Amino acid sequence: MDQMVLNRDIPDKQDRLKFVQLEDQPSSPEFLKASRLLRVTLDDSVKRMVTGISSLHQKTEKESRVAVLFSGGLDCTTLALLAHSHIPPSESIDLLNTKRIQKDSEKSSADNHNSDTTFDVPDLQTGERLWRELSKLTPGRDWRFVRVDVRMAEYLEHKEKIIKLMRPNLTVMDLSIAAALYFAARGIGNSHLNERVGSLRLGADKLLGGYSQHRSAFLTTSLSSNNWERLLDELAMDLERISTRNLGRDDWMMSWFCLEVRHPLLNRRVIDLLSGLPVHLKRDHGLGKGLGDNLLLRGLAHGLRLVKSCRLPKQAIQFGAQSAKLDGNSKGQAG
């Protein structure tokens, strides 16, 4: 496979986008063209990955064959809506949502509360809100919101297995992400999983500059070409690590439960498109949080009428599900 090449052109001041809200994007023909091109390319990738799936495990034509890892974020909601147009309307689509992993110290108070409030965390709160948004946009589609509840005792029981599966990635951050994916794939929630294909939204932040370190790399005392260089260095490093992170650790977690993982955002045509675009069309910190981060994907979501999703602030999976708090630290080696 040819090496992926990142466009490292530094934008001039006059190249920067001027709009302050997504409704203004038609005023930037360059951005509008890029957004439309991403929609066509990503939609084709989603179509390839959710069609032609065996119905061997289906007991009825209404049962799900596809599940979407659904943290309630911009990327997973966009992928879910694109998948909707390529899956028979009679079939349900599962949205896998990992809720918080409850610590033993919380057990006594949990016994006195409804389980839905006990597990009331960012991924669940946002996920349910966007589940309703999807339902309104797609009348007739059965979206099954699968809430995966995990207790601390369960986490500890499976921890060593998770660490073994995610090798050679052994940081605490790797463990927190891997745990969220592992329990999502296991799918023991308010529904039973029948599908054998899972669609992950992973890859958007690496390709579109959605991580906090991208912001940190860019922001200094003044905005200069050096800021863009540092951002591009981070994006290049993330691009190189896709094979070991998204196509390594994350796949191993899901495949343990015989769930085939498909990454629409990591289709080669999508990667080539996004890595070849000028950086200011993908992320511009001058536009602020909730707009400048994952900018191009926000433009796509807005075009799909996902008016709530396109304005969501970035929330990493391990923090949305609060799996980063399991062992009381977020750095160092897992163990």
C-alpha atoms as a PDB file:
ATOM      1  CA  MET A   1       0.000   0.000   0.000  1.00  0.00           C
ATOM      2  CA  ASP A   2       1.272   3.476  -0.864  1.00  0.00           C
ATOM      3  CA  GLN A   3       2.287   5.692   2.019  1.00  0.00           C
ATOM      4  CA  MET A   4      -0.376   8.153   3.131  1.00  0.00           C
ATOM      5  CA  VAL A   5       0.713  11.738   2.509  1.00  0.00           C
ATOM      6  CA  LEU A   6      -0.497  14.665   4.593  1.00  0.00           C
ATOM      7  CA  ASN A   7      -1.047  18.054   2.973  1.00  0.00           C
ATOM      8  CA  ARG A   8       1.332  20.321   4.909  1.00  0.00           C
ATOM      9  CA  ASP A   9       0.461  23.620   3.221  1.00  0.00           C
ATOM     10  CA  ILE A  10       0.292  26.491   5.725  1.00  0.00           C
ATOM     11  CA  PRO A  11      -2.798  28.681   5.186  1.00  0.00           C
ATOM     12  CA  ASP A  12      -2.347  32.384   4.583  1.00  0.00           C
ATOM     13  CA  LYS A  13      -4.409  34.822   6.586  1.00  0.00           C
ATOM     14  CA  GLN A  14      -6.740  35.415   3.646  1.00  0.00           C
ATOM     15  CA  ASP A  15      -7.327  31.659   3.316  1.00  0.00           C
ATOM     16  CA  ARG A  16      -8.809  31.304   6.789  1.00  0.00           C
ATOM     17  CA  LEU A  17     -12.544  30.695   7.038  1.00  0.00           C
ATOM     18  CA  LYS A  18     -14.546  33.737   8.056  1.00  0.00           C
ATOM     19  CA  PHE A  19     -17.884  32.284   9.161  1.00  0.00           C
ATOM     20  CA  VAL A  20     -18.834  32.170  12.853  1.00  0.00           C
ATOM     21  CA  GLN A  21     -21.572  29.523  12.619  1.00  0.00           C
ATOM     22  CA  LEU A  22     -22.258  26.556  10.374  1.00  0.00           C
ATOM     23  CA  GLU A  23     -25.187  28.329   8.734  1.00  0.00           C
ATOM     24  CA  ASP A  24     -22.618  30.686   7.178  1.00  0.00           C
ATOM     25  CA  GLN A  25     -20.651  27.959   5.377  1.00  0.00           C
ATOM     26  CA  PRO A  26     -22.142  28.684   1.909  1.00  0.00           C
ATOM     27  CA  SER A  27     -20.117  31.908   2.055  1.00  0.00           C
ATOM     28  CA  SER A  28     -16.980  29.746   1.752  1.00  0.00           C
ATOM     29  CA  PRO A  29     -17.123  27.865  -1.577  1.00  0.00           C
ATOM     30  CA  GLU A  30     -13.889  25.996  -0.784  1.00  0.00           C
ATOM     31  CA  PHE A  31     -15.264  24.651   2.494  1.00  0.00           C
ATOM     32  CA  LEU A  32     -18.668  23.838   0.994  1.00  0.00           C
ATOM     33  CA  LYS A  33     -17.024  21.875  -1.824  1.00  0.00           C
ATOM     34  CA  ALA A  34     -14.865  19.927   0.646  1.00  0.00           C
ATOM     35  CA  SER A  35     -17.894  19.167   2.831  1.00  0.00           C
ATOM     36  CA  ARG A  36     -19.883  17.842  -0.115  1.00  0.00           C
ATOM     37  CA  LEU A  37     -16.945  15.748  -1.305  1.00  0.00           C
ATOM     38  CA  LEU A  38     -16.573  14.234   2.166  1.00  0.00           C
ATOM     39  CA  ARG A  39     -20.283  13.421   2.213  1.00  0.00           C
ATOM     40  CA  VAL A  40     -20.107  11.532  -1.086  1.00  0.00           C
ATOM     41  CA  THR A  41     -16.890   9.692  -0.208  1.00  0.00           C
ATOM     42  CA  LEU A  42     -17.900   8.765   3.333  1.00  0.00           C
ATOM     43  CA  ASP A  43     -21.396   7.735   2.264  1.00  0.00           C
ATOM     44  CA  ASP A  44     -19.884   5.366  -0.301  1.00  0.00           C
ATOM     45  CA  SER A  45     -17.601   3.928   2.394  1.00  0.00           C
ATOM     46  CA  VAL A  46     -20.532   3.386   4.758  1.00  0.00           C
ATOM     47  CA  LYS A  47     -22.567   1.763   1.981  1.00  0.00           C
ATOM     48  CA  ARG A  48     -19.766  -0.713   1.239  1.00  0.00           C
ATOM     49  CA  MET A  49     -19.507  -1.651   4.900  1.00  0.00           C
ATOM     50  CA  VAL A  50     -23.173  -2.122   5.816  1.00  0.00           C
ATOM     51  CA  THR A  51     -24.521  -3.825   2.691  1.00  0.00           C
ATOM     52  CA  GLY A  52     -24.074  -7.428   1.659  1.00  0.00           C
ATOM     53  CA  ILE A  53     -23.929  -8.650   5.269  1.00  0.00           C
ATOM     54  CA  SER A  54     -24.995 -12.248   5.814  1.00  0.00           C
ATOM     55  CA  SER A  55     -28.446 -12.782   7.321  1.00  0.00           C
ATOM     56  CA  LEU A  56     -27.374 -16.114   8.824  1.00  0.00           C
ATOM     57  CA  HIS A  57     -27.750 -14.900  12.413  1.00  0.00           C
ATOM     58  CA  GLN A  58     -31.050 -13.108  11.812  1.00  0.00           C
ATOM     59  CA  LYS A  59     -34.055 -14.842  13.339  1.00  0.00           C
ATOM     60  CA  THR A  60     -36.433 -12.324  11.756  1.00  0.00           C
ATOM     61  CA  GLU A  61     -36.014  -9.689   9.063  1.00  0.00           C
ATOM     62  CA  LYS A  62     -36.385  -6.994  11.728  1.00  0.00           C
ATOM     63  CA  GLU A  63     -33.338  -8.019  13.756  1.00  0.00           C
ATOM     64  CA  SER A  64     -30.206  -5.897  13.565  1.00  0.00           C
ATOM     65  CA  ARG A  65     -27.269  -6.967  11.455  1.00  0.00           C
ATOM     66  CA  VAL A  66     -25.315  -3.788  12.166  1.00  0.00           C
ATOM     67  CA  ALA A  67     -24.426  -2.019  15.394  1.00  0.00           C
ATOM     68  CA  VAL A  68     -22.881   1.432  15.757  1.00  0.00           C
ATOM     69  CA  LEU A  69     -20.617   2.228  18.692  1.00  0.00           C
ATOM     70  CA  PHE A  70     -22.656   5.171  19.911  1.00  0.00           C
ATOM     71  CA  SER A  71     -21.080   7.468  22.466  1.00  0.00           C
ATOM     72  CA  GLY A  72     -23.465  10.205  21.425  1.00  0.00           C
ATOM     73  CA  GLY A  73     -20.880  12.183  19.515  1.00  0.00           C
ATOM     74  CA  LEU A  74     -20.678  14.031  16.235  1.00  0.00           C
ATOM     75  CA  ASP A  75     -18.911  11.248  14.353  1.00  0.00           C
ATOM     76  CA  CYS A  76     -20.966   8.240  15.456  1.00  0.00           C
ATOM     77  CA  THR A  77     -24.276  10.056  14.917  1.00  0.00           C
ATOM     78  CA  THR A  78     -23.231  11.072  11.415  1.00  0.00           C
ATOM     79  CA  LEU A  79     -22.203   7.499  10.586  1.00  0.00           C
ATOM     80  CA  ALA A  80     -25.454   6.123  11.988  1.00  0.00           C
ATOM     81  CA  LEU A  81     -27.537   8.438   9.812  1.00  0.00           C
ATOM     82  CA  LEU A  82     -25.519   7.582   6.696  1.00  0.00           C
ATOM     83  CA  ALA A  83     -25.902   3.860   7.468  1.00  0.00           C
ATOM     84  CA  HIS A  84     -29.674   4.309   7.746  1.00  0.00           C
ATOM     85  CA  SER A  85     -29.998   5.068   4.036  1.00  0.00           C
ATOM     86  CA  HIS A  86     -28.304   1.782   3.065  1.00  0.00           C
ATOM     87  CA  ILE A  87     -29.985  -0.662   5.463  1.00  0.00           C
ATOM     88  CA  PRO A  88     -33.459  -2.102   4.743  1.00  0.00           C
ATOM     89  CA  PRO A  89     -36.074   0.028   6.545  1.00  0.00           C
ATOM     90  CA  SER A  90     -37.553  -3.042   8.231  1.00  0.00           C
ATOM     91  CA  GLU A  91     -34.297  -3.785  10.072  1.00  0.00           C
ATOM     92  CA  SER A  92     -33.437  -2.292  13.421  1.00  0.00           C
ATOM     93  CA  ILE A  93     -30.031  -0.691  14.012  1.00  0.00           C
ATOM     94  CA  ASP A  94     -28.345  -1.062  17.392  1.00  0.00           C
ATOM     95  CA  LEU A  95     -26.625   1.907  19.014  1.00  0.00           C
ATOM     96  CA  LEU A  96     -24.152   0.566  21.604  1.00  0.00           C
ATOM     97  CA  ASN A  97     -23.669   2.962  24.494  1.00  0.00           C
ATOM     98  CA  THR A  98     -21.263   2.140  27.333  1.00  0.00           C
ATOM     99  CA  LYS A  99     -22.363   3.844  30.517  1.00  0.00           C
ATOM    100  CA  ARG A 100     -20.176   4.470  33.524  1.00  0.00           C
ATOM    101  CA  ILE A 101     -18.443   1.674  35.383  1.00  0.00           C
ATOM    102  CA  GLN A 102     -19.673   2.036  38.933  1.00  0.00           C
ATOM    103  CA  LYS A 103     -17.188   1.825  41.807  1.00  0.00           C
ATOM    104  CA  ASP A 104     -17.867  -0.241  44.901  1.00  0.00           C
ATOM    105  CA  SER A 105     -17.947   2.913  47.050  1.00  0.00           C
ATOM    106  CA  GLU A 106     -21.007   4.050  45.120  1.00  0.00           C
ATOM    107  CA  LYS A 107     -22.945   0.831  45.578  1.00  0.00           C
ATOM    108  CA  SER A 108     -24.834   1.800  48.734  1.00  0.00           C
ATOM    109  CA  SER A 109     -26.119   5.050  47.254  1.00  0.00           C
ATOM    110  CA  ALA A 110     -26.891   3.272  43.984  1.00  0.00           C
ATOM    111  CA  ASP A 111     -29.211   0.876  45.784  1.00  0.00           C
ATOM    112  CA  ASN A 112     -31.386   3.853  46.712  1.00  0.00           C
ATOM    113  CA  HIS A 113     -31.597   5.306  43.216  1.00  0.00           C
ATOM    114  CA  ASN A 114     -32.987   4.309  39.890  1.00  0.00           C
ATOM    115  CA  SER A 115     -30.287   2.583  37.816  1.00  0.00           C
ATOM    116  CA  ASP A 116     -30.741   5.062  34.991  1.00  0.00           C
ATOM    117  CA  THR A 117     -29.706   7.955  37.245  1.00  0.00           C
ATOM    118  CA  THR A 118     -26.910   5.940  38.817  1.00  0.00           C
ATOM    119  CA  PHE A 119     -25.361   5.533  35.384  1.00  0.00           C
ATOM    120  CA  ASP A 120     -26.191   9.079  34.272  1.00  0.00           C
ATOM    121  CA  VAL A 121     -22.910  10.115  32.609  1.00  0.00           C
ATOM    122  CA  PRO A 122     -21.929  12.240  29.557  1.00  0.00           C
ATOM    123  CA  ASP A 123     -22.087   9.427  26.974  1.00  0.00           C
ATOM    124  CA  LEU A 124     -25.530   8.347  28.201  1.00  0.00           C
ATOM    125  CA  GLN A 125     -26.978  11.847  28.497  1.00  0.00           C
ATOM    126  CA  THR A 126     -25.794  12.936  25.060  1.00  0.00           C
ATOM    127  CA  GLY A 127     -26.442   9.534  23.513  1.00  0.00           C
ATOM    128  CA  GLU A 128     -30.105   9.501  24.486  1.00  0.00           C
ATOM    129  CA  ARG A 129     -30.557  13.058  23.224  1.00  0.00           C
ATOM    130  CA  LEU A 130     -29.050  12.225  19.829  1.00  0.00           C
ATOM    131  CA  TRP A 131     -30.911   8.921  19.679  1.00  0.00           C
ATOM    132  CA  ARG A 132     -34.093  11.014  19.774  1.00  0.00           C
ATOM    133  CA  GLU A 133     -32.705  13.318  17.078  1.00  0.00           C
ATOM    134  CA  LEU A 134     -32.020  10.336  14.805  1.00  0.00           C
ATOM    135  CA  SER A 135     -35.511   8.971  15.447  1.00  0.00           C
ATOM    136  CA  LYS A 136     -37.127  12.266  14.441  1.00  0.00           C
ATOM    137  CA  LEU A 137     -35.115  12.437  11.220  1.00  0.00           C
ATOM    138  CA  THR A 138     -35.871   8.825  10.261  1.00  0.00           C
ATOM    139  CA  PRO A 139     -39.507   7.965  11.037  1.00  0.00           C
ATOM    140  CA  GLY A 140     -40.101   4.246  10.746  1.00  0.00           C
ATOM    141  CA  ARG A 141     -36.564   3.186  11.630  1.00  0.00           C
ATOM    142  CA  ASP A 142     -36.198   1.163  14.823  1.00  0.00           C
ATOM    143  CA  TRP A 143     -33.072   2.507  16.537  1.00  0.00           C
ATOM    144  CA  ARG A 144     -32.320   0.258  19.511  1.00  0.00           C
ATOM    145  CA  PHE A 145     -30.412   2.230  22.119  1.00  0.00           C
ATOM    146  CA  VAL A 146     -28.397  -0.463  23.920  1.00  0.00           C
ATOM    147  CA  ARG A 147     -27.215   0.828  27.293  1.00  0.00           C
ATOM    148  CA  VAL A 148     -24.293  -1.246  28.522  1.00  0.00           C
ATOM    149  CA  ASP A 149     -24.045  -1.078  32.330  1.00  0.00           C
ATOM    150  CA  VAL A 150     -20.809  -2.277  33.914  1.00  0.00           C
ATOM    151  CA  ARG A 151     -20.060  -2.691  37.619  1.00  0.00           C
ATOM    152  CA  MET A 152     -16.597  -2.338  39.132  1.00  0.00           C
ATOM    153  CA  ALA A 153     -16.572  -6.033  40.058  1.00  0.00           C
ATOM    154  CA  GLU A 154     -17.169  -6.892  36.391  1.00  0.00           C
ATOM    155  CA  TYR A 155     -14.405  -4.555  35.284  1.00  0.00           C
ATOM    156  CA  LEU A 156     -11.912  -6.101  37.710  1.00  0.00           C
ATOM    157  CA  GLU A 157     -12.946  -9.576  36.606  1.00  0.00           C
ATOM    158  CA  HIS A 158     -12.188  -8.766  32.968  1.00  0.00           C
ATOM    159  CA  LYS A 159      -9.285  -6.324  33.434  1.00  0.00           C
ATOM    160  CA  GLU A 160      -6.432  -8.795  32.934  1.00  0.00           C
ATOM    161  CA  LYS A 161      -8.087 -10.196  29.822  1.00  0.00           C
ATOM    162  CA  ILE A 162      -8.456  -6.670  28.409  1.00  0.00           C
ATOM    163  CA  ILE A 163      -4.789  -5.895  29.102  1.00  0.00           C
ATOM    164  CA  LYS A 164      -3.750  -9.126  27.402  1.00  0.00           C
ATOM    165  CA  LEU A 165      -5.901  -8.411  24.360  1.00  0.00           C
ATOM    166  CA  MET A 166      -4.657  -4.847  23.893  1.00  0.00           C
ATOM    167  CA  ARG A 167      -0.911  -5.694  23.901  1.00  0.00           C
ATOM    168  CA  PRO A 168       1.507  -4.198  22.974  1.00  0.00           C
ATOM    169  CA  ASN A 169      -0.464  -1.039  23.865  1.00  0.00           C
ATOM    170  CA  LEU A 170      -0.130  -0.897  27.642  1.00  0.00           C
ATOM    171  CA  THR A 171      -0.739   2.648  28.871  1.00  0.00           C
ATOM    172  CA  VAL A 172      -3.532   3.570  31.274  1.00  0.00           C
ATOM    173  CA  MET A 173      -5.138   5.545  28.453  1.00  0.00           C
ATOM    174  CA  ASP A 174      -5.044   2.462  26.224  1.00  0.00           C
ATOM    175  CA  LEU A 175      -6.738   0.488  28.993  1.00  0.00           C
ATOM    176  CA  SER A 176      -9.492   3.054  29.518  1.00  0.00           C
ATOM    177  CA  ILE A 177     -10.346   3.154  25.807  1.00  0.00           C
ATOM    178  CA  ALA A 178     -10.030  -0.612  25.442  1.00  0.00           C
ATOM    179  CA  ALA A 179     -12.332  -1.217  28.426  1.00  0.00           C
ATOM    180  CA  ALA A 180     -15.067   0.985  26.945  1.00  0.00           C
ATOM    181  CA  LEU A 181     -14.855  -0.866  23.617  1.00  0.00           C
ATOM    182  CA  TYR A 182     -14.633  -4.301  25.219  1.00  0.00           C
ATOM    183  CA  PHE A 183     -17.805  -3.891  27.247  1.00  0.00           C
ATOM    184  CA  ALA A 184     -19.622  -2.216  24.355  1.00  0.00           C
ATOM    185  CA  ALA A 185     -18.829  -5.220  22.156  1.00  0.00           C
ATOM    186  CA  ARG A 186     -19.985  -7.590  24.870  1.00  0.00           C
ATOM    187  CA  GLY A 187     -23.294  -5.775  24.605  1.00  0.00           C
ATOM    188  CA  ILE A 188     -24.953  -6.870  27.815  1.00  0.00           C
ATOM    189  CA  GLY A 189     -27.396  -4.052  28.319  1.00  0.00           C
ATOM    190  CA  ASN A 190     -31.128  -3.538  28.006  1.00  0.00           C
ATOM    191  CA  SER A 191     -31.132  -5.508  24.734  1.00  0.00           C
ATOM    192  CA  HIS A 192     -29.605  -8.707  23.434  1.00  0.00           C
ATOM    193  CA  LEU A 193     -27.209  -8.319  20.508  1.00  0.00           C
ATOM    194  CA  ASN A 194     -27.642 -10.495  17.434  1.00  0.00           C
ATOM    195  CA  GLU A 195     -25.563  -8.636  14.850  1.00  0.00           C
ATOM    196  CA  ARG A 196     -22.073  -9.709  13.884  1.00  0.00           C
ATOM    197  CA  VAL A 197     -20.898  -6.445  12.295  1.00  0.00           C
ATOM    198  CA  GLY A 198     -20.035  -3.375  14.311  1.00  0.00           C
ATOM    199  CA  SER A 199     -19.351   0.037  12.805  1.00  0.00           C
ATOM    200  CA  LEU A 200     -16.880   2.193  14.697  1.00  0.00           C
ATOM    201  CA  ARG A 201     -16.693   5.956  14.414  1.00  0.00           C
ATOM    202  CA  LEU A 202     -12.993   5.860  15.307  1.00  0.00           C
ATOM    203  CA  GLY A 203     -10.582   7.798  13.122  1.00  0.00           C
ATOM    204  CA  ALA A 204     -12.383  11.125  12.807  1.00  0.00           C
ATOM    205  CA  ASP A 205     -10.342  12.872  15.488  1.00  0.00           C
ATOM    206  CA  LYS A 206      -7.051  11.626  14.074  1.00  0.00           C
ATOM    207  CA  LEU A 207      -7.894  12.774  10.567  1.00  0.00           C
ATOM    208  CA  LEU A 208      -9.737  15.990  11.407  1.00  0.00           C
ATOM    209  CA  GLY A 209      -7.869  17.313  14.432  1.00  0.00           C
ATOM    210  CA  GLY A 210     -10.435  16.594  17.117  1.00  0.00           C
ATOM    211  CA  TYR A 211      -8.128  15.760  20.011  1.00  0.00           C
ATOM    212  CA  SER A 212      -7.138  18.077  22.844  1.00  0.00           C
ATOM    213  CA  GLN A 213      -3.450  17.651  21.966  1.00  0.00           C
ATOM    214  CA  HIS A 214      -4.180  19.151  18.557  1.00  0.00           C
ATOM    215  CA  ARG A 215      -5.496  22.230  20.292  1.00  0.00           C
ATOM    216  CA  SER A 216      -2.541  22.286  22.685  1.00  0.00           C
ATOM    217  CA  ALA A 217      -0.069  21.940  19.816  1.00  0.00           C
ATOM    218  CA  PHE A 218      -1.622  24.894  18.043  1.00  0.00           C
ATOM    219  CA  LEU A 219      -2.318  27.389  20.807  1.00  0.00           C
ATOM    220  CA  THR A 220       0.566  29.552  21.980  1.00  0.00           C
ATOM    221  CA  THR A 221       0.894  33.242  22.816  1.00  0.00           C
ATOM    222  CA  SER A 222       0.424  34.217  19.194  1.00  0.00           C
ATOM    223  CA  LEU A 223      -0.957  32.662  16.046  1.00  0.00           C
ATOM    224  CA  SER A 224       1.802  32.101  13.510  1.00  0.00           C
ATOM    225  CA  SER A 225       2.936  29.623  10.887  1.00  0.00           C
ATOM    226  CA  ASN A 226       4.729  27.697  13.653  1.00  0.00           C
ATOM    227  CA  ASN A 227       1.370  26.950  15.263  1.00  0.00           C
ATOM    228  CA  TRP A 228       0.155  25.329  12.068  1.00  0.00           C
ATOM    229  CA  GLU A 229       3.423  23.373  11.776  1.00  0.00           C
ATOM    230  CA  ARG A 230       2.990  21.919  15.252  1.00  0.00           C
ATOM    231  CA  LEU A 231      -0.617  20.991  14.504  1.00  0.00           C
ATOM    232  CA  LEU A 232       0.444  19.305  11.267  1.00  0.00           C
ATOM    233  CA  ASP A 233       3.155  17.371  13.125  1.00  0.00           C
ATOM    234  CA  GLU A 234       0.515  16.020  15.523  1.00  0.00           C
ATOM    235  CA  LEU A 235      -1.828  15.086  12.678  1.00  0.00           C
ATOM    236  CA  ALA A 236       1.002  13.322  10.831  1.00  0.00           C
ATOM    237  CA  MET A 237       1.895  11.324  13.940  1.00  0.00           C
ATOM    238  CA  ASP A 238      -1.738  10.297  14.457  1.00  0.00           C
ATOM    239  CA  LEU A 239      -2.002   9.244  10.823  1.00  0.00           C
ATOM    240  CA  GLU A 240       1.031   6.969  11.241  1.00  0.00           C
ATOM    241  CA  ARG A 241      -0.424   5.353  14.374  1.00  0.00           C
ATOM    242  CA  ILE A 242      -3.791   4.379  12.874  1.00  0.00           C
ATOM    243  CA  SER A 243      -2.606   0.840  12.128  1.00  0.00           C
ATOM    244  CA  THR A 244      -1.607   0.107  15.732  1.00  0.00           C
ATOM    245  CA  ARG A 245      -4.366   2.036  17.486  1.00  0.00           C
ATOM    246  CA  ASN A 246      -7.591   1.898  15.491  1.00  0.00           C
ATOM    247  CA  LEU A 247      -6.707  -1.188  13.458  1.00  0.00           C
ATOM    248  CA  GLY A 248      -4.970  -2.950  16.334  1.00  0.00           C
ATOM    249  CA  ARG A 249      -6.101  -2.399  19.899  1.00  0.00           C
ATOM    250  CA  ASP A 250      -9.677  -1.440  19.049  1.00  0.00           C
ATOM    251  CA  ASP A 251     -10.244  -4.344  16.652  1.00  0.00           C
ATOM    252  CA  TRP A 252      -8.890  -6.840  19.177  1.00  0.00           C
ATOM    253  CA  MET A 253     -11.405  -5.713  21.785  1.00  0.00           C
ATOM    254  CA  MET A 254     -14.396  -6.091  19.493  1.00  0.00           C
ATOM    255  CA  SER A 255     -13.344  -9.302  17.748  1.00  0.00           C
ATOM    256  CA  TRP A 256     -13.020 -11.112  21.096  1.00  0.00           C
ATOM    257  CA  PHE A 257     -16.828 -11.270  21.022  1.00  0.00           C
ATOM    258  CA  CYS A 258     -16.898 -12.347  17.354  1.00  0.00           C
ATOM    259  CA  LEU A 259     -18.012  -8.880  16.310  1.00  0.00           C
ATOM    260  CA  GLU A 260     -16.539  -7.932  12.956  1.00  0.00           C
ATOM    261  CA  VAL A 261     -15.372  -4.331  13.058  1.00  0.00           C
ATOM    262  CA  ARG A 262     -15.679  -1.969  10.126  1.00  0.00           C
ATOM    263  CA  HIS A 263     -14.251   1.536  10.081  1.00  0.00           C
ATOM    264  CA  PRO A 264     -15.963   3.730   7.449  1.00  0.00           C
ATOM    265  CA  LEU A 265     -13.757   6.703   8.348  1.00  0.00           C
ATOM    266  CA  LEU A 266     -10.624   4.631   7.762  1.00  0.00           C
ATOM    267  CA  ASN A 267     -11.528   3.634   4.215  1.00  0.00           C
ATOM    268  CA  ARG A 268      -8.492   4.447   2.074  1.00  0.00           C
ATOM    269  CA  ARG A 269     -10.430   6.842  -0.156  1.00  0.00           C
ATOM    270  CA  VAL A 270     -11.677   8.749   2.903  1.00  0.00           C
ATOM    271  CA  ILE A 271      -8.174   8.922   4.391  1.00  0.00           C
ATOM    272  CA  ASP A 272      -6.671  10.088   1.096  1.00  0.00           C
ATOM    273  CA  LEU A 273      -9.335  12.770   0.757  1.00  0.00           C
ATOM    274  CA  LEU A 274      -8.950  14.120   4.285  1.00  0.00           C
ATOM    275  CA  SER A 275      -5.167  13.933   4.432  1.00  0.00           C
ATOM    276  CA  GLY A 276      -4.966  15.760   1.108  1.00  0.00           C
ATOM    277  CA  LEU A 277      -7.162  18.706   2.134  1.00  0.00           C
ATOM    278  CA  PRO A 278      -5.646  21.933   3.504  1.00  0.00           C
ATOM    279  CA  VAL A 279      -5.505  21.810   7.288  1.00  0.00           C
ATOM    280  CA  HIS A 280      -7.601  24.955   7.838  1.00  0.00           C
ATOM    281  CA  LEU A 281     -10.610  23.214   6.259  1.00  0.00           C
ATOM    282  CA  LYS A 282     -10.384  20.445   8.853  1.00  0.00           C
ATOM    283  CA  ARG A 283      -9.531  22.305  12.044  1.00  0.00           C
ATOM    284  CA  ASP A 284      -9.193  26.002  12.839  1.00  0.00           C
ATOM    285  CA  HIS A 285      -8.817  26.936  16.491  1.00  0.00           C
ATOM    286  CA  GLY A 286      -9.614  30.526  15.669  1.00  0.00           C
ATOM    287  CA  LEU A 287     -13.254  29.460  15.241  1.00  0.00           C
ATOM    288  CA  GLY A 288     -13.470  28.171  18.821  1.00  0.00           C
ATOM    289  CA  LYS A 289     -14.603  24.914  20.414  1.00  0.00           C
ATOM    290  CA  GLY A 290     -17.716  23.297  19.019  1.00  0.00           C
ATOM    291  CA  LEU A 291     -16.956  24.692  15.562  1.00  0.00           C
ATOM    292  CA  GLY A 292     -13.238  24.829  14.810  1.00  0.00           C
ATOM    293  CA  ASP A 293     -12.544  21.283  16.034  1.00  0.00           C
ATOM    294  CA  ASN A 294     -13.593  18.555  13.580  1.00  0.00           C
ATOM    295  CA  LEU A 295     -14.753  21.474  11.458  1.00  0.00           C
ATOM    296  CA  LEU A 296     -15.347  19.619   8.206  1.00  0.00           C
ATOM    297  CA  LEU A 297     -17.335  16.828   9.850  1.00  0.00           C
ATOM    298  CA  ARG A 298     -19.495  19.462  11.536  1.00  0.00           C
ATOM    299  CA  GLY A 299     -20.215  20.927   8.124  1.00  0.00           C
ATOM    300  CA  LEU A 300     -21.236  17.500   6.843  1.00  0.00           C
ATOM    301  CA  ALA A 301     -23.482  16.836   9.858  1.00  0.00           C
ATOM    302  CA  HIS A 302     -25.135  20.226   9.418  1.00  0.00           C
ATOM    303  CA  GLY A 303     -25.862  19.357   5.794  1.00  0.00           C
ATOM    304  CA  LEU A 304     -27.543  16.147   6.999  1.00  0.00           C
ATOM    305  CA  ARG A 305     -29.780  18.240   9.308  1.00  0.00           C
ATOM    306  CA  LEU A 306     -28.120  16.910  12.463  1.00  0.00           C
ATOM    307  CA  VAL A 307     -28.504  20.302  14.094  1.00  0.00           C
ATOM    308  CA  LYS A 308     -27.747  19.067  17.625  1.00  0.00           C
ATOM    309  CA  SER A 309     -24.875  16.782  16.717  1.00  0.00           C
ATOM    310  CA  CYS A 310     -23.039  19.354  14.629  1.00  0.00           C
ATOM    311  CA  ARG A 311     -22.658  21.655  17.638  1.00  0.00           C
ATOM    312  CA  LEU A 312     -21.503  19.096  20.198  1.00  0.00           C
ATOM    313  CA  PRO A 313     -18.184  19.689  21.963  1.00  0.00           C
ATOM    314  CA  LYS A 314     -15.604  16.944  21.595  1.00  0.00           C
ATOM    315  CA  GLN A 315     -15.830  14.188  24.251  1.00  0.00           C
ATOM    316  CA  ALA A 316     -13.307  11.334  24.147  1.00  0.00           C
ATOM    317  CA  ILE A 317     -14.825   7.865  24.539  1.00  0.00           C
ATOM    318  CA  GLN A 318     -12.874   7.070  27.711  1.00  0.00           C
ATOM    319  CA  PHE A 319     -14.076  10.273  29.396  1.00  0.00           C
ATOM    320  CA  GLY A 320     -17.633  10.131  28.111  1.00  0.00           C
ATOM    321  CA  ALA A 321     -18.015   6.631  29.527  1.00  0.00           C
ATOM    322  CA  GLN A 322     -15.821   7.638  32.511  1.00  0.00           C
ATOM    323  CA  SER A 323     -13.640   4.561  32.018  1.00  0.00           C
ATOM    324  CA  ALA A 324     -10.593   6.821  32.414  1.00  0.00           C
ATOM    325  CA  LYS A 325     -11.419   7.113  36.138  1.00  0.00           C
ATOM    326  CA  LEU A 326     -11.463   3.403  36.865  1.00  0.00           C
ATOM    327  CA  ASP A 327      -8.035   3.092  38.434  1.00  0.00           C
ATOM    328  CA  GLY A 328      -7.817   6.624  39.774  1.00  0.00           C
ATOM    329  CA  ASN A 329      -5.174   7.802  37.305  1.00  0.00           C
ATOM    330  CA  SER A 330      -4.976   8.628  33.618  1.00  0.00           C
ATOM    331  CA  LYS A 331      -1.255   8.282  32.892  1.00  0.00           C
ATOM    332  CA  GLY A 332       1.457   5.650  33.087  1.00  0.00           C
ATOM    333  CA  GLN A 333       1.375   1.925  32.422  1.00  0.00           C
ATOM    334  CA  ALA A 334      -1.694  -0.243  32.848  1.00  0.00           C
ATOM    335  CA  GLY A 335      -1.413  -3.033  35.336  1.00  0.00           C
END
